[in-house]
Amino acid sequence: MAQCDLSTLQKELLEFARLRDWQQFHAPKNLVMALSVEASELLEHFQWLSEAQSRTLTTDKKHAVSLEMADIFIYLIRLATELDVDILAAVEEKIKINNAKYPVEKVRGSSKKYNEYD
């Protein structure tokens, strides 16, 4: 299992883009569109599977899914770099927000959205 930190990934991906003169194409709007495309490609792998099948992917399918997940993560990292967003801080903030929106005692076992429960 590879271990690296987010800062190292950001530098590596920025250098990858710079070496290929692709940074000119990495405007935030383009990166967001690419994220959407990659998310759709991930969705394709699950489109016709049952819930049970989606939990027991073949080795080949799981590998293909992992590569789509990596594509999504790469574009998300590039977007965070381009917008100068500390994505880890944003995740920590969102976890706190979700904890407040979805208190365990009110939502445990429910799939309702935060504004649908009493």
PDB file of N, CA and C in Angstrom:
ATOM      1  N   MET A   1       0.842  -1.181   0.000  1.00  0.00           N
ATOM      2  CA  MET A   1       0.000   0.000   0.000  1.00  0.00           C
ATOM      3  C   MET A   1       0.887   1.245   0.000  1.00  0.00           C
ATOM      4  N   ALA A   2       0.682   2.092  -0.959  1.00  0.00           N
ATOM      5  CA  ALA A   2       1.493   3.296  -1.075  1.00  0.00           C
ATOM      6  C   ALA A   2       1.101   4.318  -0.016  1.00  0.00           C
ATOM      7  N   GLN A   3       2.089   4.971   0.536  1.00  0.00           N
ATOM      8  CA  GLN A   3       1.855   6.010   1.521  1.00  0.00           C
ATOM      9  C   GLN A   3       2.517   7.302   1.042  1.00  0.00           C
ATOM     10  N   CYS A   4       1.747   8.363   0.992  1.00  0.00           N
ATOM     11  CA  CYS A   4       2.296   9.673   0.714  1.00  0.00           C
ATOM     12  C   CYS A   4       1.334  10.702   1.268  1.00  0.00           C
ATOM     13  N   ASP A   5       1.806  11.924   1.382  1.00  0.00           N
ATOM     14  CA  ASP A   5       0.929  12.947   1.923  1.00  0.00           C
ATOM     15  C   ASP A   5       0.309  13.762   0.791  1.00  0.00           C
ATOM     16  N   LEU A   6      -0.702  14.523   1.128  1.00  0.00           N
ATOM     17  CA  LEU A   6      -1.440  15.284   0.140  1.00  0.00           C
ATOM     18  C   LEU A   6      -0.555  16.313  -0.552  1.00  0.00           C
ATOM     19  N   SER A   7       0.302  16.967   0.191  1.00  0.00           N
ATOM     20  CA  SER A   7       1.194  17.980  -0.383  1.00  0.00           C
ATOM     21  C   SER A   7       2.097  17.365  -1.457  1.00  0.00           C
ATOM     22  N   THR A   8       2.606  16.178  -1.187  1.00  0.00           N
ATOM     23  CA  THR A   8       3.454  15.486  -2.162  1.00  0.00           C
ATOM     24  C   THR A   8       2.648  15.147  -3.413  1.00  0.00           C
ATOM     25  N   LEU A   9       1.434  14.655  -3.234  1.00  0.00           N
ATOM     26  CA  LEU A   9       0.571  14.361  -4.384  1.00  0.00           C
ATOM     27  C   LEU A   9       0.287  15.613  -5.204  1.00  0.00           C
ATOM     28  N   GLN A  10      -0.016  16.722  -4.523  1.00  0.00           N
ATOM     29  CA  GLN A  10      -0.299  17.965  -5.233  1.00  0.00           C
ATOM     30  C   GLN A  10       0.893  18.394  -6.074  1.00  0.00           C
ATOM     31  N   LYS A  11       2.074  18.330  -5.512  1.00  0.00           N
ATOM     32  CA  LYS A  11       3.290  18.714  -6.243  1.00  0.00           C
ATOM     33  C   LYS A  11       3.530  17.787  -7.430  1.00  0.00           C
ATOM     34  N   GLU A  12       3.354  16.497  -7.205  1.00  0.00           N
ATOM     35  CA  GLU A  12       3.570  15.513  -8.265  1.00  0.00           C
ATOM     36  C   GLU A  12       2.584  15.718  -9.423  1.00  0.00           C
ATOM     37  N   LEU A  13       1.325  15.963  -9.089  1.00  0.00           N
ATOM     38  CA  LEU A  13       0.318  16.159 -10.138  1.00  0.00           C
ATOM     39  C   LEU A  13       0.502  17.482 -10.859  1.00  0.00           C
ATOM     40  N   LEU A  14       0.914  18.515 -10.145  1.00  0.00           N
ATOM     41  CA  LEU A  14       1.190  19.800 -10.782  1.00  0.00           C
ATOM     42  C   LEU A  14       2.371  19.671 -11.737  1.00  0.00           C
ATOM     43  N   GLU A  15       3.403  18.976 -11.307  1.00  0.00           N
ATOM     44  CA  GLU A  15       4.577  18.764 -12.170  1.00  0.00           C
ATOM     45  C   GLU A  15       4.198  17.930 -13.403  1.00  0.00           C
ATOM     46  N   PHE A  16       3.382  16.911 -13.221  1.00  0.00           N
ATOM     47  CA  PHE A  16       2.897  16.094 -14.341  1.00  0.00           C
ATOM     48  C   PHE A  16       2.214  16.989 -15.376  1.00  0.00           C
ATOM     49  N   ALA A  17       1.342  17.869 -14.913  1.00  0.00           N
ATOM     50  CA  ALA A  17       0.626  18.774 -15.823  1.00  0.00           C
ATOM     51  C   ALA A  17       1.583  19.775 -16.474  1.00  0.00           C
ATOM     52  N   ARG A  18       2.489  20.325 -15.692  1.00  0.00           N
ATOM     53  CA  ARG A  18       3.448  21.317 -16.233  1.00  0.00           C
ATOM     54  C   ARG A  18       4.328  20.720 -17.316  1.00  0.00           C
ATOM     55  N   LEU A  19       4.856  19.527 -17.085  1.00  0.00           N
ATOM     56  CA  LEU A  19       5.740  18.884 -18.054  1.00  0.00           C
ATOM     57  C   LEU A  19       5.043  18.646 -19.392  1.00  0.00           C
ATOM     58  N   ARG A  20       3.758  18.467 -19.370  1.00  0.00           N
ATOM     59  CA  ARG A  20       2.989  18.207 -20.587  1.00  0.00           C
ATOM     60  C   ARG A  20       2.298  19.458 -21.128  1.00  0.00           C
ATOM     61  N   ASP A  21       2.553  20.591 -20.483  1.00  0.00           N
ATOM     62  CA  ASP A  21       1.908  21.861 -20.819  1.00  0.00           C
ATOM     63  C   ASP A  21       0.389  21.726 -20.782  1.00  0.00           C
ATOM     64  N   TRP A  22      -0.099  21.006 -19.792  1.00  0.00           N
ATOM     65  CA  TRP A  22      -1.535  20.797 -19.632  1.00  0.00           C
ATOM     66  C   TRP A  22      -2.152  21.754 -18.625  1.00  0.00           C
ATOM     67  N   GLN A  23      -1.320  22.475 -17.889  1.00  0.00           N
ATOM     68  CA  GLN A  23      -1.869  23.369 -16.881  1.00  0.00           C
ATOM     69  C   GLN A  23      -2.799  24.397 -17.522  1.00  0.00           C
ATOM     70  N   GLN A  24      -2.532  24.742 -18.773  1.00  0.00           N
ATOM     71  CA  GLN A  24      -3.396  25.684 -19.497  1.00  0.00           C
ATOM     72  C   GLN A  24      -4.830  25.168 -19.615  1.00  0.00           C
ATOM     73  N   PHE A  25      -5.016  23.867 -19.523  1.00  0.00           N
ATOM     74  CA  PHE A  25      -6.351  23.270 -19.638  1.00  0.00           C
ATOM     75  C   PHE A  25      -7.012  23.036 -18.273  1.00  0.00           C
ATOM     76  N   HIS A  26      -6.272  23.297 -17.206  1.00  0.00           N
ATOM     77  CA  HIS A  26      -6.745  22.962 -15.872  1.00  0.00           C
ATOM     78  C   HIS A  26      -7.393  24.140 -15.156  1.00  0.00           C
ATOM     79  N   ALA A  27      -8.211  24.875 -15.871  1.00  0.00           N
ATOM     80  CA  ALA A  27      -9.031  25.893 -15.223  1.00  0.00           C
ATOM     81  C   ALA A  27     -10.015  25.171 -14.316  1.00  0.00           C
ATOM     82  N   PRO A  28     -10.416  25.790 -13.223  1.00  0.00           N
ATOM     83  CA  PRO A  28     -11.353  25.115 -12.326  1.00  0.00           C
ATOM     84  C   PRO A  28     -12.588  24.556 -13.024  1.00  0.00           C
ATOM     85  N   LYS A  29     -13.185  25.292 -13.939  1.00  0.00           N
ATOM     86  CA  LYS A  29     -14.387  24.787 -14.624  1.00  0.00           C
ATOM     87  C   LYS A  29     -14.079  23.513 -15.402  1.00  0.00           C
ATOM     88  N   ASN A  30     -12.926  23.426 -16.014  1.00  0.00           N
ATOM     89  CA  ASN A  30     -12.553  22.225 -16.762  1.00  0.00           C
ATOM     90  C   ASN A  30     -12.305  21.046 -15.830  1.00  0.00           C
ATOM     91  N   LEU A  31     -11.678  21.313 -14.703  1.00  0.00           N
ATOM     92  CA  LEU A  31     -11.424  20.250 -13.734  1.00  0.00           C
ATOM     93  C   LEU A  31     -12.723  19.724 -13.144  1.00  0.00           C
ATOM     94  N   VAL A  32     -13.681  20.613 -12.899  1.00  0.00           N
ATOM     95  CA  VAL A  32     -14.984  20.177 -12.386  1.00  0.00           C
ATOM     96  C   VAL A  32     -15.706  19.314 -13.422  1.00  0.00           C
ATOM     97  N   MET A  33     -15.635  19.705 -14.676  1.00  0.00           N
ATOM     98  CA  MET A  33     -16.265  18.894 -15.723  1.00  0.00           C
ATOM     99  C   MET A  33     -15.587  17.530 -15.813  1.00  0.00           C
ATOM    100  N   ALA A  34     -14.262  17.507 -15.729  1.00  0.00           N
ATOM    101  CA  ALA A  34     -13.532  16.238 -15.765  1.00  0.00           C
ATOM    102  C   ALA A  34     -13.917  15.358 -14.575  1.00  0.00           C
ATOM    103  N   LEU A  35     -14.096  15.973 -13.412  1.00  0.00           N
ATOM    104  CA  LEU A  35     -14.551  15.226 -12.232  1.00  0.00           C
ATOM    105  C   LEU A  35     -15.891  14.553 -12.493  1.00  0.00           C
ATOM    106  N   SER A  36     -16.787  15.283 -13.112  1.00  0.00           N
ATOM    107  CA  SER A  36     -18.115  14.747 -13.413  1.00  0.00           C
ATOM    108  C   SER A  36     -18.025  13.565 -14.374  1.00  0.00           C
ATOM    109  N   VAL A  37     -17.191  13.693 -15.374  1.00  0.00           N
ATOM    110  CA  VAL A  37     -17.012  12.610 -16.344  1.00  0.00           C
ATOM    111  C   VAL A  37     -16.452  11.368 -15.648  1.00  0.00           C
ATOM    112  N   GLU A  38     -15.445  11.565 -14.821  1.00  0.00           N
ATOM    113  CA  GLU A  38     -14.841  10.424 -14.126  1.00  0.00           C
ATOM    114  C   GLU A  38     -15.817   9.788 -13.141  1.00  0.00           C
ATOM    115  N   ALA A  39     -16.627  10.594 -12.473  1.00  0.00           N
ATOM    116  CA  ALA A  39     -17.643  10.045 -11.563  1.00  0.00           C
ATOM    117  C   ALA A  39     -18.642   9.208 -12.352  1.00  0.00           C
ATOM    118  N   SER A  40     -18.979   9.656 -13.548  1.00  0.00           N
ATOM    119  CA  SER A  40     -19.892   8.885 -14.398  1.00  0.00           C
ATOM    120  C   SER A  40     -19.253   7.577 -14.837  1.00  0.00           C
ATOM    121  N   GLU A  41     -17.962   7.599 -15.110  1.00  0.00           N
ATOM    122  CA  GLU A  41     -17.269   6.367 -15.485  1.00  0.00           C
ATOM    123  C   GLU A  41     -17.251   5.381 -14.312  1.00  0.00           C
ATOM    124  N   LEU A  42     -17.111   5.894 -13.105  1.00  0.00           N
ATOM    125  CA  LEU A  42     -17.192   5.038 -11.923  1.00  0.00           C
ATOM    126  C   LEU A  42     -18.602   4.460 -11.792  1.00  0.00           C
ATOM    127  N   LEU A  43     -19.585   5.293 -12.007  1.00  0.00           N
ATOM    128  CA  LEU A  43     -20.986   4.868 -11.922  1.00  0.00           C
ATOM    129  C   LEU A  43     -21.291   3.728 -12.890  1.00  0.00           C
ATOM    130  N   GLU A  44     -20.703   3.778 -14.076  1.00  0.00           N
ATOM    131  CA  GLU A  44     -20.939   2.729 -15.077  1.00  0.00           C
ATOM    132  C   GLU A  44     -20.611   1.336 -14.548  1.00  0.00           C
ATOM    133  N   HIS A  45     -19.603   1.241 -13.705  1.00  0.00           N
ATOM    134  CA  HIS A  45     -19.207  -0.069 -13.173  1.00  0.00           C
ATOM    135  C   HIS A  45     -20.264  -0.672 -12.256  1.00  0.00           C
ATOM    136  N   PHE A  46     -21.126   0.173 -11.707  1.00  0.00           N
ATOM    137  CA  PHE A  46     -22.131  -0.284 -10.752  1.00  0.00           C
ATOM    138  C   PHE A  46     -23.554  -0.242 -11.300  1.00  0.00           C
ATOM    139  N   GLN A  47     -23.713   0.329 -12.477  1.00  0.00           N
ATOM    140  CA  GLN A  47     -25.038   0.650 -13.013  1.00  0.00           C
ATOM    141  C   GLN A  47     -26.039  -0.494 -12.945  1.00  0.00           C
ATOM    142  N   TRP A  48     -25.677  -1.673 -13.337  1.00  0.00           N
ATOM    143  CA  TRP A  48     -26.645  -2.777 -13.422  1.00  0.00           C
ATOM    144  C   TRP A  48     -26.409  -3.850 -12.368  1.00  0.00           C
ATOM    145  N   LEU A  49     -25.584  -3.553 -11.387  1.00  0.00           N
ATOM    146  CA  LEU A  49     -25.334  -4.532 -10.329  1.00  0.00           C
ATOM    147  C   LEU A  49     -26.412  -4.443  -9.251  1.00  0.00           C
ATOM    148  N   SER A  50     -26.673  -5.561  -8.623  1.00  0.00           N
ATOM    149  CA  SER A  50     -27.540  -5.537  -7.446  1.00  0.00           C
ATOM    150  C   SER A  50     -26.721  -4.963  -6.286  1.00  0.00           C
ATOM    151  N   GLU A  51     -27.417  -4.669  -5.198  1.00  0.00           N
ATOM    152  CA  GLU A  51     -26.703  -4.179  -4.014  1.00  0.00           C
ATOM    153  C   GLU A  51     -25.671  -5.207  -3.551  1.00  0.00           C
ATOM    154  N   ALA A  52     -26.055  -6.463  -3.536  1.00  0.00           N
ATOM    155  CA  ALA A  52     -25.141  -7.528  -3.111  1.00  0.00           C
ATOM    156  C   ALA A  52     -23.940  -7.625  -4.047  1.00  0.00           C
ATOM    157  N   GLN A  53     -24.176  -7.576  -5.346  1.00  0.00           N
ATOM    158  CA  GLN A  53     -23.079  -7.642  -6.316  1.00  0.00           C
ATOM    159  C   GLN A  53     -22.120  -6.464  -6.151  1.00  0.00           C
ATOM    160  N   SER A  54     -22.663  -5.307  -5.818  1.00  0.00           N
ATOM    161  CA  SER A  54     -21.811  -4.127  -5.668  1.00  0.00           C
ATOM    162  C   SER A  54     -20.857  -4.257  -4.475  1.00  0.00           C
ATOM    163  N   ARG A  55     -21.174  -5.158  -3.561  1.00  0.00           N
ATOM    164  CA  ARG A  55     -20.325  -5.380  -2.387  1.00  0.00           C
ATOM    165  C   ARG A  55     -19.305  -6.494  -2.599  1.00  0.00           C
ATOM    166  N   THR A  56     -19.450  -7.253  -3.680  1.00  0.00           N
ATOM    167  CA  THR A  56     -18.566  -8.394  -3.917  1.00  0.00           C
ATOM    168  C   THR A  56     -18.030  -8.344  -5.350  1.00  0.00           C
ATOM    169  N   LEU A  57     -17.250  -7.337  -5.636  1.00  0.00           N
ATOM    170  CA  LEU A  57     -16.699  -7.166  -6.980  1.00  0.00           C
ATOM    171  C   LEU A  57     -15.624  -8.213  -7.251  1.00  0.00           C
ATOM    172  N   THR A  58     -15.529  -8.615  -8.501  1.00  0.00           N
ATOM    173  CA  THR A  58     -14.432  -9.495  -8.890  1.00  0.00           C
ATOM    174  C   THR A  58     -13.123  -8.720  -8.747  1.00  0.00           C
ATOM    175  N   THR A  59     -12.029  -9.428  -8.738  1.00  0.00           N
ATOM    176  CA  THR A  59     -10.720  -8.784  -8.621  1.00  0.00           C
ATOM    177  C   THR A  59     -10.502  -7.792  -9.756  1.00  0.00           C
ATOM    178  N   ASP A  60     -10.833  -8.195 -10.982  1.00  0.00           N
ATOM    179  CA  ASP A  60     -10.656  -7.301 -12.129  1.00  0.00           C
ATOM    180  C   ASP A  60     -11.556  -6.076 -12.039  1.00  0.00           C
ATOM    181  N   LYS A  61     -12.804  -6.293 -11.635  1.00  0.00           N
ATOM    182  CA  LYS A  61     -13.748  -5.185 -11.523  1.00  0.00           C
ATOM    183  C   LYS A  61     -13.297  -4.219 -10.424  1.00  0.00           C
ATOM    184  N   LYS A  62     -12.856  -4.774  -9.305  1.00  0.00           N
ATOM    185  CA  LYS A  62     -12.394  -3.925  -8.201  1.00  0.00           C
ATOM    186  C   LYS A  62     -11.183  -3.100  -8.627  1.00  0.00           C
ATOM    187  N   HIS A  63     -10.301  -3.680  -9.411  1.00  0.00           N
ATOM    188  CA  HIS A  63      -9.137  -2.941  -9.907  1.00  0.00           C
ATOM    189  C   HIS A  63      -9.579  -1.803 -10.823  1.00  0.00           C
ATOM    190  N   ALA A  64     -10.501  -2.084 -11.730  1.00  0.00           N
ATOM    191  CA  ALA A  64     -11.006  -1.046 -12.635  1.00  0.00           C
ATOM    192  C   ALA A  64     -11.683   0.077 -11.844  1.00  0.00           C
ATOM    193  N   VAL A  65     -12.458  -0.295 -10.848  1.00  0.00           N
ATOM    194  CA  VAL A  65     -13.123   0.687  -9.987  1.00  0.00           C
ATOM    195  C   VAL A  65     -12.083   1.528  -9.247  1.00  0.00           C
ATOM    196  N   SER A  66     -11.036   0.889  -8.760  1.00  0.00           N
ATOM    197  CA  SER A  66     -10.002   1.630  -8.022  1.00  0.00           C
ATOM    198  C   SER A  66      -9.315   2.660  -8.915  1.00  0.00           C
ATOM    199  N   LEU A  67      -9.132   2.335 -10.183  1.00  0.00           N
ATOM    200  CA  LEU A  67      -8.515   3.290 -11.109  1.00  0.00           C
ATOM    201  C   LEU A  67      -9.442   4.461 -11.399  1.00  0.00           C
ATOM    202  N   GLU A  68     -10.736   4.208 -11.486  1.00  0.00           N
ATOM    203  CA  GLU A  68     -11.695   5.313 -11.660  1.00  0.00           C
ATOM    204  C   GLU A  68     -11.718   6.192 -10.417  1.00  0.00           C
ATOM    205  N   MET A  69     -11.662   5.568  -9.252  1.00  0.00           N
ATOM    206  CA  MET A  69     -11.606   6.336  -8.011  1.00  0.00           C
ATOM    207  C   MET A  69     -10.346   7.204  -7.987  1.00  0.00           C
ATOM    208  N   ALA A  70      -9.245   6.660  -8.461  1.00  0.00           N
ATOM    209  CA  ALA A  70      -7.999   7.423  -8.514  1.00  0.00           C
ATOM    210  C   ALA A  70      -8.138   8.621  -9.459  1.00  0.00           C
ATOM    211  N   ASP A  71      -8.768   8.415 -10.609  1.00  0.00           N
ATOM    212  CA  ASP A  71      -8.986   9.537 -11.540  1.00  0.00           C
ATOM    213  C   ASP A  71      -9.765  10.658 -10.865  1.00  0.00           C
ATOM    214  N   ILE A  72     -10.810  10.288 -10.132  1.00  0.00           N
ATOM    215  CA  ILE A  72     -11.624  11.279  -9.423  1.00  0.00           C
ATOM    216  C   ILE A  72     -10.774  12.016  -8.395  1.00  0.00           C
ATOM    217  N   PHE A  73     -10.007  11.275  -7.640  1.00  0.00           N
ATOM    218  CA  PHE A  73      -9.164  11.873  -6.600  1.00  0.00           C
ATOM    219  C   PHE A  73      -8.119  12.802  -7.219  1.00  0.00           C
ATOM    220  N   ILE A  74      -7.530  12.396  -8.330  1.00  0.00           N
ATOM    221  CA  ILE A  74      -6.532  13.220  -9.010  1.00  0.00           C
ATOM    222  C   ILE A  74      -7.134  14.555  -9.443  1.00  0.00           C
ATOM    223  N   TYR A  75      -8.293  14.510 -10.081  1.00  0.00           N
ATOM    224  CA  TYR A  75      -8.927  15.761 -10.502  1.00  0.00           C
ATOM    225  C   TYR A  75      -9.335  16.611  -9.303  1.00  0.00           C
ATOM    226  N   LEU A  76      -9.783  15.987  -8.234  1.00  0.00           N
ATOM    227  CA  LEU A  76     -10.157  16.734  -7.035  1.00  0.00           C
ATOM    228  C   LEU A  76      -8.929  17.412  -6.421  1.00  0.00           C
ATOM    229  N   ILE A  77      -7.821  16.709  -6.387  1.00  0.00           N
ATOM    230  CA  ILE A  77      -6.573  17.302  -5.879  1.00  0.00           C
ATOM    231  C   ILE A  77      -6.141  18.463  -6.760  1.00  0.00           C
ATOM    232  N   ARG A  78      -6.216  18.279  -8.079  1.00  0.00           N
ATOM    233  CA  ARG A  78      -5.836  19.377  -8.984  1.00  0.00           C
ATOM    234  C   ARG A  78      -6.753  20.581  -8.788  1.00  0.00           C
ATOM    235  N   LEU A  79      -8.050  20.342  -8.612  1.00  0.00           N
ATOM    236  CA  LEU A  79      -8.990  21.434  -8.382  1.00  0.00           C
ATOM    237  C   LEU A  79      -8.648  22.166  -7.085  1.00  0.00           C
ATOM    238  N   ALA A  80      -8.370  21.424  -6.034  1.00  0.00           N
ATOM    239  CA  ALA A  80      -7.997  22.041  -4.758  1.00  0.00           C
ATOM    240  C   ALA A  80      -6.733  22.886  -4.924  1.00  0.00           C
ATOM    241  N   THR A  81      -5.778  22.388  -5.687  1.00  0.00           N
ATOM    242  CA  THR A  81      -4.544  23.140  -5.933  1.00  0.00           C
ATOM    243  C   THR A  81      -4.838  24.424  -6.690  1.00  0.00           C
ATOM    244  N   GLU A  82      -5.607  24.313  -7.751  1.00  0.00           N
ATOM    245  CA  GLU A  82      -5.916  25.491  -8.575  1.00  0.00           C
ATOM    246  C   GLU A  82      -6.709  26.544  -7.817  1.00  0.00           C
ATOM    247  N   LEU A  83      -7.575  26.117  -6.895  1.00  0.00           N
ATOM    248  CA  LEU A  83      -8.395  27.065  -6.134  1.00  0.00           C
ATOM    249  C   LEU A  83      -7.779  27.419  -4.783  1.00  0.00           C
ATOM    250  N   ASP A  84      -6.605  26.854  -4.500  1.00  0.00           N
ATOM    251  CA  ASP A  84      -5.913  27.078  -3.238  1.00  0.00           C
ATOM    252  C   ASP A  84      -6.834  26.749  -2.052  1.00  0.00           C
ATOM    253  N   VAL A  85      -7.429  25.561  -2.137  1.00  0.00           N
ATOM    254  CA  VAL A  85      -8.306  25.065  -1.081  1.00  0.00           C
ATOM    255  C   VAL A  85      -7.559  23.994  -0.302  1.00  0.00           C
ATOM    256  N   ASP A  86      -7.558  24.121   1.009  1.00  0.00           N
ATOM    257  CA  ASP A  86      -7.008  23.081   1.864  1.00  0.00           C
ATOM    258  C   ASP A  86      -8.093  22.014   1.996  1.00  0.00           C
ATOM    259  N   ILE A  87      -8.025  21.007   1.156  1.00  0.00           N
ATOM    260  CA  ILE A  87      -9.092  20.019   1.071  1.00  0.00           C
ATOM    261  C   ILE A  87      -9.229  19.222   2.371  1.00  0.00           C
ATOM    262  N   LEU A  88      -8.130  18.956   3.057  1.00  0.00           N
ATOM    263  CA  LEU A  88      -8.221  18.217   4.316  1.00  0.00           C
ATOM    264  C   LEU A  88      -8.921  19.054   5.388  1.00  0.00           C
ATOM    265  N   ALA A  89      -8.647  20.338   5.429  1.00  0.00           N
ATOM    266  CA  ALA A  89      -9.350  21.224   6.369  1.00  0.00           C
ATOM    267  C   ALA A  89     -10.827  21.302   6.009  1.00  0.00           C
ATOM    268  N   ALA A  90     -11.129  21.339   4.713  1.00  0.00           N
ATOM    269  CA  ALA A  90     -12.522  21.381   4.271  1.00  0.00           C
ATOM    270  C   ALA A  90     -13.255  20.103   4.672  1.00  0.00           C
ATOM    271  N   VAL A  91     -12.591  18.968   4.558  1.00  0.00           N
ATOM    272  CA  VAL A  91     -13.195  17.690   4.967  1.00  0.00           C
ATOM    273  C   VAL A  91     -13.458  17.693   6.471  1.00  0.00           C
ATOM    274  N   GLU A  92     -12.497  18.147   7.247  1.00  0.00           N
ATOM    275  CA  GLU A  92     -12.697  18.210   8.701  1.00  0.00           C
ATOM    276  C   GLU A  92     -13.872  19.121   9.049  1.00  0.00           C
ATOM    277  N   GLU A  93     -13.971  20.271   8.376  1.00  0.00           N
ATOM    278  CA  GLU A  93     -15.085  21.190   8.613  1.00  0.00           C
ATOM    279  C   GLU A  93     -16.413  20.537   8.239  1.00  0.00           C
ATOM    280  N   LYS A  94     -16.444  19.835   7.116  1.00  0.00           N
ATOM    281  CA  LYS A  94     -17.679  19.197   6.661  1.00  0.00           C
ATOM    282  C   LYS A  94     -18.106  18.080   7.612  1.00  0.00           C
ATOM    283  N   ILE A  95     -17.165  17.358   8.163  1.00  0.00           N
ATOM    284  CA  ILE A  95     -17.494  16.317   9.143  1.00  0.00           C
ATOM    285  C   ILE A  95     -18.182  16.951  10.351  1.00  0.00           C
ATOM    286  N   LYS A  96     -17.667  18.079  10.815  1.00  0.00           N
ATOM    287  CA  LYS A  96     -18.293  18.781  11.951  1.00  0.00           C
ATOM    288  C   LYS A  96     -19.704  19.236  11.586  1.00  0.00           C
ATOM    289  N   ILE A  97     -19.866  19.786  10.405  1.00  0.00           N
ATOM    290  CA  ILE A  97     -21.185  20.226   9.937  1.00  0.00           C
ATOM    291  C   ILE A  97     -22.148  19.046   9.886  1.00  0.00           C
ATOM    292  N   ASN A  98     -21.700  17.923   9.316  1.00  0.00           N
ATOM    293  CA  ASN A  98     -22.554  16.736   9.217  1.00  0.00           C
ATOM    294  C   ASN A  98     -22.910  16.172  10.583  1.00  0.00           C
ATOM    295  N   ASN A  99     -21.966  16.219  11.522  1.00  0.00           N
ATOM    296  CA  ASN A  99     -22.264  15.757  12.880  1.00  0.00           C
ATOM    297  C   ASN A  99     -23.371  16.601  13.503  1.00  0.00           C
ATOM    298  N   ALA A 100     -23.368  17.900  13.240  1.00  0.00           N
ATOM    299  CA  ALA A 100     -24.413  18.781  13.766  1.00  0.00           C
ATOM    300  C   ALA A 100     -25.741  18.558  13.040  1.00  0.00           C
ATOM    301  N   LYS A 101     -25.690  18.362  11.720  1.00  0.00           N
ATOM    302  CA  LYS A 101     -26.909  18.156  10.922  1.00  0.00           C
ATOM    303  C   LYS A 101     -27.570  16.811  11.198  1.00  0.00           C
ATOM    304  N   TYR A 102     -26.758  15.824  11.479  1.00  0.00           N
ATOM    305  CA  TYR A 102     -27.246  14.455  11.617  1.00  0.00           C
ATOM    306  C   TYR A 102     -26.894  13.889  12.986  1.00  0.00           C
ATOM    307  N   PRO A 103     -27.530  14.381  14.054  1.00  0.00           N
ATOM    308  CA  PRO A 103     -27.238  13.839  15.388  1.00  0.00           C
ATOM    309  C   PRO A 103     -27.671  12.369  15.471  1.00  0.00           C
ATOM    310  N   VAL A 104     -26.818  11.560  16.031  1.00  0.00           N
ATOM    311  CA  VAL A 104     -27.034  10.111  16.095  1.00  0.00           C
ATOM    312  C   VAL A 104     -28.410   9.776  16.651  1.00  0.00           C
ATOM    313  N   GLU A 105     -28.792  10.434  17.734  1.00  0.00           N
ATOM    314  CA  GLU A 105     -30.055  10.092  18.392  1.00  0.00           C
ATOM    315  C   GLU A 105     -31.275  10.363  17.518  1.00  0.00           C
ATOM    316  N   LYS A 106     -31.142  11.191  16.482  1.00  0.00           N
ATOM    317  CA  LYS A 106     -32.284  11.487  15.613  1.00  0.00           C
ATOM    318  C   LYS A 106     -32.264  10.708  14.296  1.00  0.00           C
ATOM    319  N   VAL A 107     -31.097  10.365  13.820  1.00  0.00           N
ATOM    320  CA  VAL A 107     -31.021   9.815  12.464  1.00  0.00           C
ATOM    321  C   VAL A 107     -30.549   8.367  12.385  1.00  0.00           C
ATOM    322  N   ARG A 108     -30.164   7.786  13.481  1.00  0.00           N
ATOM    323  CA  ARG A 108     -29.641   6.406  13.454  1.00  0.00           C
ATOM    324  C   ARG A 108     -30.606   5.489  12.707  1.00  0.00           C
ATOM    325  N   GLY A 109     -30.089   4.812  11.682  1.00  0.00           N
ATOM    326  CA  GLY A 109     -30.870   3.852  10.915  1.00  0.00           C
ATOM    327  C   GLY A 109     -31.804   4.469   9.887  1.00  0.00           C
ATOM    328  N   SER A 110     -31.759   5.777   9.711  1.00  0.00           N
ATOM    329  CA  SER A 110     -32.651   6.452   8.768  1.00  0.00           C
ATOM    330  C   SER A 110     -31.847   7.018   7.601  1.00  0.00           C
ATOM    331  N   SER A 111     -32.447   6.977   6.421  1.00  0.00           N
ATOM    332  CA  SER A 111     -31.791   7.556   5.253  1.00  0.00           C
ATOM    333  C   SER A 111     -32.358   8.929   4.895  1.00  0.00           C
ATOM    334  N   LYS A 112     -33.171   9.470   5.783  1.00  0.00           N
ATOM    335  CA  LYS A 112     -33.766  10.779   5.524  1.00  0.00           C
ATOM    336  C   LYS A 112     -32.703  11.860   5.515  1.00  0.00           C
ATOM    337  N   LYS A 113     -32.964  12.896   4.734  1.00  0.00           N
ATOM    338  CA  LYS A 113     -32.097  14.054   4.697  1.00  0.00           C
ATOM    339  C   LYS A 113     -32.313  14.863   5.978  1.00  0.00           C
ATOM    340  N   TYR A 114     -31.309  15.648   6.337  1.00  0.00           N
ATOM    341  CA  TYR A 114     -31.345  16.390   7.609  1.00  0.00           C
ATOM    342  C   TYR A 114     -32.592  17.252   7.792  1.00  0.00           C
ATOM    343  N   ASN A 115     -33.153  17.753   6.722  1.00  0.00           N
ATOM    344  CA  ASN A 115     -34.332  18.623   6.844  1.00  0.00           C
ATOM    345  C   ASN A 115     -35.649  17.838   6.802  1.00  0.00           C
ATOM    346  N   GLU A 116     -35.594  16.515   6.806  1.00  0.00           N
ATOM    347  CA  GLU A 116     -36.786  15.692   6.759  1.00  0.00           C
ATOM    348  C   GLU A 116     -37.137  15.029   8.088  1.00  0.00           C
ATOM    349  N   TYR A 117     -36.298  15.141   9.068  1.00  0.00           N
ATOM    350  CA  TYR A 117     -36.601  14.509  10.355  1.00  0.00           C
ATOM    351  C   TYR A 117     -36.994  15.569  11.371  1.00  0.00           C
ATOM    352  N   ASP A 118     -37.682  15.132  12.413  1.00  0.00           N
ATOM    353  CA  ASP A 118     -38.157  16.057  13.462  1.00  0.00           C
ATOM    354  C   ASP A 118     -37.076  16.355  14.459  1.00  0.00           C
TER     355      ASP A 118
END
